[in-house]
Amino acid sequence: MRMKRTLIAVGSTVVVVVGLTIAGMGFANAAGQRPPFQLPFPCGQTWNGDSDNSSAHRSFEIDFNRGSTADADLGDSVVAASAGKVITSAHQGSANGYGNLVVIDHGGGWRSFYAHLRVRSVAVGATVSRGQKIGEVGNTSKPGNNISPHLHFEVRTTDAAYPASIQPAFFNGVRFGYPNQTLRSNNGCGGSSNPHTPTEVCGAGYDVIDQAPLGSAGTVYLLYNADKADNCVVTIKAGTAVATTSAYLEVQGKTRITDSGSFAFYAGPVRASAPNSCVKWGGSVGTTAYNSPFEHCD
C-alpha cells in the first residue's frame, strides 16, 4: 500500500490529505451492478456523513460521526454495508494514515473501505453478511496523525485508477446527499419473529454471500457452498402474515428453478451447481420482489 498524507490544521481539528494506492488490488473488468449497500452502522442508529470537511478527501469519501463530543463515537460498532469477502484486515502502520483498515470485496468489481477502526473484528478471507460487525469506530492512523474518532468510508470499483475508482455512495438504494447528510440506518432492520436463518435452511457448508431486503416483508439471501460449488437461495419472511413467498435461482445458460407458495416462514431452499458460472437470483414476499442481474460469476 502506498499513500501520501499531509497534516493540515483547520481550527482545532487536524485532518490528513490522502493519495492512496493499495498494492495487490489491481484493476479488473468494468464493474457490474452496484451491490445493495446499507449504512455501515446497526439498525436504527442515526449518523452524520460529511465529505467536504476534510482535506483528506479526493472524491466521494465520507467521514461519519454521531456524538456530541470529539470522542463520543469511540468504540461504536461498524457493520458491513453489504455482503462480501474480506480482502484486507490490517493496521497500515507507517505506510499510510488509514490505521486499522477493513476492505470488503462485494463481487462485480465493487469494494467498500472502513478506516481508522479501533479494532478489527474480521480476518482476511472471511465471508461476511450485510449488517455483520466488522470493527469499531476509532482514531487509528500512522504515527503523528492526531485525528478524532470517526469512520472513514469509501466505495470503490476495480475498473479505474485511484481516485477515479472512488464511487458515490448509495444507502438503501438512494444516493448519499453530498456533501453532508444525516441518515438513519436500515442495516439489519427487520423486526422478524422468524425463527429460521438462511444458513439453517440451506444447510451445513453454505455461507451468505449476498442479500436483498424486501421492504419490511423479509429478505432474500444468496448463499454459496465452496466445497460443492453450489449456490442456494432462500427468502426469509419478516413475520408470519399470509402472503405468497418465492425464491429462485438461475444459473446462466440453464433453466430457472423456483420455489413459491403460501409459506409460513420461508421459500426455498433452491439449490444449483454453478462452478465458474454467473447466477441470477431473487425472491418475493407478496408484491415486494427483488431480481438480480447475472452476477457472482467467479
Protein backbone atom coordinates (compact mmCIF):
# COMPACT_ATOMS: atom_id res chain seq x y z
CA MET A 1 0.00 0.00 0.00
CA ARG A 2 1.32 3.43 -0.85
CA MET A 3 -0.19 6.72 0.26
CA LYS A 4 0.84 10.33 0.63
CA ARG A 5 -0.55 12.21 3.60
CA THR A 6 -0.08 15.78 4.77
CA LEU A 7 -1.18 17.08 8.16
CA ILE A 8 -3.22 20.26 7.95
CA ALA A 9 -4.65 22.15 10.91
CA VAL A 10 -8.16 23.51 10.42
CA GLY A 11 -9.17 25.38 13.54
CA SER A 12 -8.68 22.90 16.34
CA THR A 13 -9.09 19.88 14.06
CA VAL A 14 -6.20 18.03 12.47
CA VAL A 15 -7.02 16.42 9.15
CA VAL A 16 -4.93 14.47 6.72
CA VAL A 17 -4.52 14.51 2.98
CA VAL A 18 -4.59 11.14 1.28
CA GLY A 19 -3.35 9.83 -2.02
CA LEU A 20 -3.84 6.09 -1.82
CA THR A 21 -2.96 3.08 -3.94
CA ILE A 22 -3.28 -0.34 -2.36
CA ALA A 23 -0.82 -2.98 -3.50
CA GLY A 24 -2.37 -6.22 -4.67
CA MET A 25 -5.65 -4.56 -5.64
CA GLY A 26 -5.13 -4.31 -9.38
CA PHE A 27 -7.67 -3.25 -11.93
CA ALA A 28 -10.21 -5.77 -13.21
CA ASN A 29 -13.04 -5.74 -15.70
CA ALA A 30 -15.65 -2.99 -15.68
CA ALA A 31 -17.74 -3.00 -12.53
CA GLY A 32 -21.07 -4.81 -12.53
CA GLN A 33 -24.30 -3.74 -10.87
CA ARG A 34 -23.91 -1.79 -7.64
CA PRO A 35 -24.41 -4.01 -4.57
CA PRO A 36 -27.33 -3.25 -2.22
CA PHE A 37 -25.42 -1.11 0.29
CA GLN A 38 -26.83 -0.01 3.63
CA LEU A 39 -25.37 2.44 6.12
CA PRO A 40 -22.39 0.75 7.85
CA PHE A 41 -23.95 1.00 11.31
CA PRO A 42 -26.51 -1.09 13.23
CA CYS A 43 -30.24 -0.72 12.62
CA GLY A 44 -31.88 2.42 13.93
CA GLN A 45 -28.73 4.44 14.61
CA THR A 46 -28.52 7.97 13.17
CA TRP A 47 -25.20 9.20 11.79
CA ASN A 48 -23.99 12.33 10.05
CA GLY A 49 -21.83 11.84 6.99
CA ASP A 50 -19.54 14.55 5.69
CA SER A 51 -17.48 14.56 2.51
CA ASP A 52 -16.13 18.10 2.27
CA ASN A 53 -14.90 18.93 5.76
CA SER A 54 -11.58 17.14 5.34
CA SER A 55 -8.71 17.92 3.03
CA ALA A 56 -8.03 14.18 3.05
CA HIS A 57 -10.85 13.56 0.62
CA ARG A 58 -10.25 13.31 -3.10
CA SER A 59 -13.72 12.43 -4.28
CA PHE A 60 -16.76 10.72 -2.71
CA GLU A 61 -15.25 9.58 0.60
CA ILE A 62 -17.44 10.05 3.69
CA ASP A 63 -16.47 10.62 7.33
CA PHE A 64 -19.18 9.52 9.79
CA ASN A 65 -19.86 10.79 13.31
CA ARG A 66 -22.91 11.00 15.56
CA GLY A 67 -21.69 12.04 19.02
CA SER A 68 -21.81 15.48 20.57
CA THR A 69 -18.16 15.37 21.67
CA ALA A 70 -14.94 14.54 19.85
CA ASP A 71 -14.53 11.12 21.48
CA ALA A 72 -18.21 10.18 21.83
CA ASP A 73 -18.20 7.67 18.95
CA LEU A 74 -15.08 5.76 20.03
CA GLY A 75 -15.89 2.04 20.18
CA ASP A 76 -19.24 2.21 18.39
CA SER A 77 -19.95 -0.82 16.19
CA VAL A 78 -19.21 -0.72 12.46
CA VAL A 79 -21.03 -3.28 10.30
CA ALA A 80 -20.66 -4.45 6.72
CA ALA A 81 -22.54 -2.24 4.28
CA SER A 82 -23.18 -5.24 2.03
CA ALA A 83 -22.28 -8.92 1.94
CA GLY A 84 -18.91 -9.98 0.62
CA LYS A 85 -15.44 -11.33 1.33
CA VAL A 86 -12.82 -9.60 3.46
CA ILE A 87 -9.70 -8.94 1.36
CA THR A 88 -7.90 -6.56 3.74
CA SER A 89 -7.87 -6.56 7.54
CA ALA A 90 -4.72 -4.96 8.88
CA HIS A 91 -3.23 -1.97 10.64
CA GLN A 92 -1.45 0.02 7.98
CA GLY A 93 1.36 1.06 10.30
CA SER A 94 3.53 3.87 8.97
CA ALA A 95 2.64 3.15 5.34
CA ASN A 96 -0.36 5.47 5.29
CA GLY A 97 -2.92 7.08 7.53
CA TYR A 98 -5.76 4.56 7.37
CA GLY A 99 -4.80 2.84 10.61
CA ASN A 100 -6.92 -0.26 11.15
CA LEU A 101 -8.47 -0.89 7.74
CA VAL A 102 -11.03 -3.44 6.56
CA VAL A 103 -11.79 -3.81 2.85
CA ILE A 104 -14.68 -5.99 1.65
CA ASP A 105 -14.96 -7.28 -1.91
CA HIS A 106 -18.63 -7.50 -2.89
CA GLY A 107 -18.08 -9.07 -6.30
CA GLY A 108 -18.65 -7.50 -9.69
CA GLY A 109 -15.72 -5.13 -9.18
CA TRP A 110 -17.17 -3.37 -6.10
CA ARG A 111 -15.37 -2.86 -2.79
CA SER A 112 -16.05 -0.97 0.43
CA PHE A 113 -13.41 0.53 2.73
CA TYR A 114 -13.67 1.07 6.51
CA ALA A 115 -10.75 3.02 8.01
CA HIS A 116 -9.40 4.26 11.37
CA LEU A 117 -11.08 1.38 13.23
CA ARG A 118 -10.30 0.99 16.92
CA VAL A 119 -10.42 -2.78 16.50
CA ARG A 120 -10.99 -5.12 13.56
CA SER A 121 -13.46 -7.97 14.13
CA VAL A 122 -12.91 -9.95 10.90
CA ALA A 123 -9.94 -11.60 9.23
CA VAL A 124 -8.83 -11.77 5.61
CA GLY A 125 -10.77 -14.48 3.78
CA ALA A 126 -13.86 -14.24 5.97
CA THR A 127 -17.24 -14.14 4.28
CA VAL A 128 -19.43 -11.51 5.90
CA SER A 129 -23.13 -10.81 5.64
CA ARG A 130 -24.57 -7.34 5.43
CA GLY A 131 -25.05 -5.97 8.94
CA GLN A 132 -22.34 -8.19 10.45
CA LYS A 133 -19.99 -6.41 12.83
CA ILE A 134 -16.56 -5.91 11.28
CA GLY A 135 -14.98 -3.49 13.77
CA GLU A 136 -15.40 -0.43 15.95
CA VAL A 137 -15.14 3.29 15.31
CA GLY A 138 -11.67 4.54 16.21
CA ASN A 139 -8.93 7.03 15.50
CA THR A 140 -6.04 4.79 14.45
CA SER A 141 -3.70 6.23 11.86
CA LYS A 142 0.03 6.49 11.15
CA PRO A 143 2.29 7.80 13.92
CA GLY A 144 1.88 11.53 14.36
CA ASN A 145 -1.58 11.75 12.80
CA ASN A 146 -3.80 13.01 15.60
CA ILE A 147 -7.40 12.51 14.50
CA SER A 148 -10.69 12.35 16.35
CA PRO A 149 -12.64 9.07 16.30
CA HIS A 150 -14.74 8.65 13.15
CA LEU A 151 -15.43 6.13 10.42
CA HIS A 152 -13.84 6.91 7.07
CA PHE A 153 -15.96 5.07 4.48
CA GLU A 154 -15.42 4.62 0.75
CA VAL A 155 -16.94 2.66 -2.10
CA ARG A 156 -14.57 1.85 -4.96
CA THR A 157 -14.62 -0.08 -8.21
CA THR A 158 -11.71 -2.00 -9.70
CA ASP A 159 -12.05 -0.69 -13.24
CA ALA A 160 -10.22 2.62 -12.77
CA ALA A 161 -7.17 4.10 -11.09
CA TYR A 162 -7.40 5.98 -7.80
CA PRO A 163 -9.06 8.43 -7.23
CA ALA A 164 -11.36 7.83 -10.24
CA SER A 165 -12.17 4.46 -8.67
CA ILE A 166 -13.99 6.14 -5.76
CA GLN A 167 -17.73 6.00 -6.42
CA PRO A 168 -20.68 7.90 -4.94
CA ALA A 169 -22.15 6.00 -2.01
CA PHE A 170 -25.74 4.75 -2.14
CA PHE A 171 -27.53 3.63 1.02
CA ASN A 172 -30.86 1.81 0.96
CA GLY A 173 -30.91 2.43 -2.81
CA VAL A 174 -30.57 6.22 -2.51
CA ARG A 175 -27.51 8.30 -3.41
CA PHE A 176 -25.88 9.95 -0.40
CA GLY A 177 -26.75 13.66 -0.24
CA TYR A 178 -23.27 15.02 -0.84
CA PRO A 179 -21.58 16.90 0.71
CA ASN A 180 -23.37 16.34 4.01
CA GLN A 181 -26.34 14.31 5.17
CA THR A 182 -27.72 12.78 8.35
CA LEU A 183 -29.16 9.29 7.86
CA ARG A 184 -30.88 6.60 9.91
CA SER A 185 -29.51 3.11 9.39
CA ASN A 186 -31.73 0.39 7.96
CA ASN A 187 -28.89 -2.13 8.12
CA GLY A 188 -30.10 -5.30 9.77
CA CYS A 189 -33.58 -3.95 10.43
CA GLY A 190 -36.43 -6.35 10.06
CA GLY A 191 -38.04 -6.96 13.43
CA SER A 192 -38.53 -10.55 12.35
CA SER A 193 -40.13 -13.13 14.60
CA ASN A 194 -38.98 -15.78 12.12
CA PRO A 195 -37.02 -18.49 13.97
CA HIS A 196 -35.22 -19.64 10.81
CA THR A 197 -31.93 -18.40 9.34
CA PRO A 198 -30.69 -18.70 5.75
CA THR A 199 -27.73 -20.87 6.73
CA GLU A 200 -30.02 -23.23 8.65
CA VAL A 201 -32.41 -23.53 5.71
CA CYS A 202 -29.71 -24.09 3.07
CA GLY A 203 -27.72 -26.44 5.27
CA ALA A 204 -24.19 -27.03 6.51
CA GLY A 205 -21.39 -25.58 4.43
CA TYR A 206 -23.39 -22.69 2.96
CA ASP A 207 -22.40 -19.10 3.71
CA VAL A 208 -24.33 -15.92 2.89
CA ILE A 209 -22.60 -14.01 0.06
CA ASP A 210 -25.37 -11.54 -0.81
CA GLN A 211 -28.78 -10.42 0.36
CA ALA A 212 -31.52 -8.01 -0.63
CA PRO A 213 -34.24 -6.55 1.61
CA LEU A 214 -37.88 -6.89 0.59
CA GLY A 215 -39.03 -3.76 2.35
CA SER A 216 -40.41 -4.73 5.74
CA ALA A 217 -41.69 -8.07 4.41
CA GLY A 218 -38.48 -10.07 4.56
CA THR A 219 -35.11 -10.67 2.94
CA VAL A 220 -33.91 -12.85 0.08
CA TYR A 221 -30.46 -14.42 0.54
CA LEU A 222 -27.90 -15.90 -1.83
CA LEU A 223 -25.57 -18.45 -0.27
CA TYR A 224 -22.60 -20.43 -1.56
CA ASN A 225 -21.01 -23.76 -0.64
CA ALA A 226 -17.36 -23.56 -1.67
CA ASP A 227 -16.77 -27.32 -1.29
CA LYS A 228 -19.61 -28.21 -3.67
CA ALA A 229 -19.53 -25.05 -5.85
CA ASP A 230 -23.28 -24.83 -5.17
CA ASN A 231 -25.45 -21.76 -4.76
CA CYS A 232 -28.58 -21.64 -2.64
CA VAL A 233 -31.37 -19.04 -2.49
CA VAL A 234 -33.88 -18.65 0.32
CA THR A 235 -36.42 -15.93 1.08
CA ILE A 236 -36.93 -15.42 4.81
CA LYS A 237 -40.18 -13.70 5.80
CA ALA A 238 -40.12 -10.99 8.47
CA GLY A 239 -43.35 -12.26 10.00
CA THR A 240 -45.97 -14.96 9.60
CA ALA A 241 -48.65 -13.00 7.76
CA VAL A 242 -50.16 -14.98 4.90
CA ALA A 243 -48.52 -13.97 1.62
CA THR A 244 -47.19 -15.79 -1.41
CA THR A 245 -43.44 -16.16 -0.91
CA SER A 246 -40.94 -17.17 -3.58
CA ALA A 247 -37.25 -17.81 -4.14
CA TYR A 248 -35.49 -18.57 -7.41
CA LEU A 249 -32.06 -19.35 -8.80
CA GLU A 250 -31.00 -19.31 -12.43
CA VAL A 251 -27.54 -20.45 -13.49
CA GLN A 252 -26.59 -18.72 -16.74
CA GLY A 253 -27.45 -21.00 -19.66
CA LYS A 254 -29.71 -23.22 -17.58
CA THR A 255 -33.40 -23.29 -16.63
CA ARG A 256 -34.54 -21.18 -13.69
CA ILE A 257 -35.53 -23.08 -10.54
CA THR A 258 -38.31 -21.53 -8.42
CA ASP A 259 -40.00 -22.34 -5.14
CA SER A 260 -43.24 -20.46 -4.50
CA GLY A 261 -46.20 -20.84 -2.19
CA SER A 262 -48.10 -19.57 0.85
CA PHE A 263 -45.34 -20.49 3.28
CA ALA A 264 -45.35 -19.53 6.95
CA PHE A 265 -41.66 -18.70 7.29
CA TYR A 266 -39.61 -19.03 4.10
CA ALA A 267 -39.42 -20.06 0.44
CA GLY A 268 -36.63 -22.34 -0.68
CA PRO A 269 -34.05 -23.62 -0.37
CA VAL A 270 -33.40 -23.51 -4.11
CA ARG A 271 -30.01 -25.04 -4.90
CA ALA A 272 -27.97 -25.43 -8.08
CA SER A 273 -24.39 -26.21 -9.01
CA ALA A 274 -22.71 -23.15 -10.50
CA PRO A 275 -18.92 -23.59 -10.78
CA ASN A 276 -17.40 -20.59 -12.59
CA SER A 277 -20.89 -19.55 -13.70
CA CYS A 278 -22.92 -16.38 -13.32
CA VAL A 279 -26.21 -16.66 -11.47
CA LYS A 280 -29.41 -14.66 -11.40
CA TRP A 281 -31.31 -14.88 -8.13
CA GLY A 282 -34.19 -13.30 -6.31
CA GLY A 283 -37.43 -13.75 -4.50
CA SER A 284 -40.58 -12.09 -3.23
CA VAL A 285 -42.99 -11.75 -0.36
CA GLY A 286 -46.41 -10.65 -1.55
CA THR A 287 -45.97 -7.88 -4.11
CA THR A 288 -42.44 -6.91 -2.99
CA ALA A 289 -39.75 -8.58 -5.08
CA TYR A 290 -36.03 -8.50 -5.80
CA ASN A 291 -34.47 -9.66 -9.08
CA SER A 292 -30.72 -9.62 -9.54
CA PRO A 293 -28.78 -9.40 -12.80
CA PHE A 294 -26.41 -12.23 -13.71
CA GLU A 295 -23.58 -11.83 -11.20
CA HIS A 296 -21.27 -13.64 -8.77
CA CYS A 297 -19.57 -15.23 -11.75
CA ASP A 298 -16.38 -16.47 -10.08
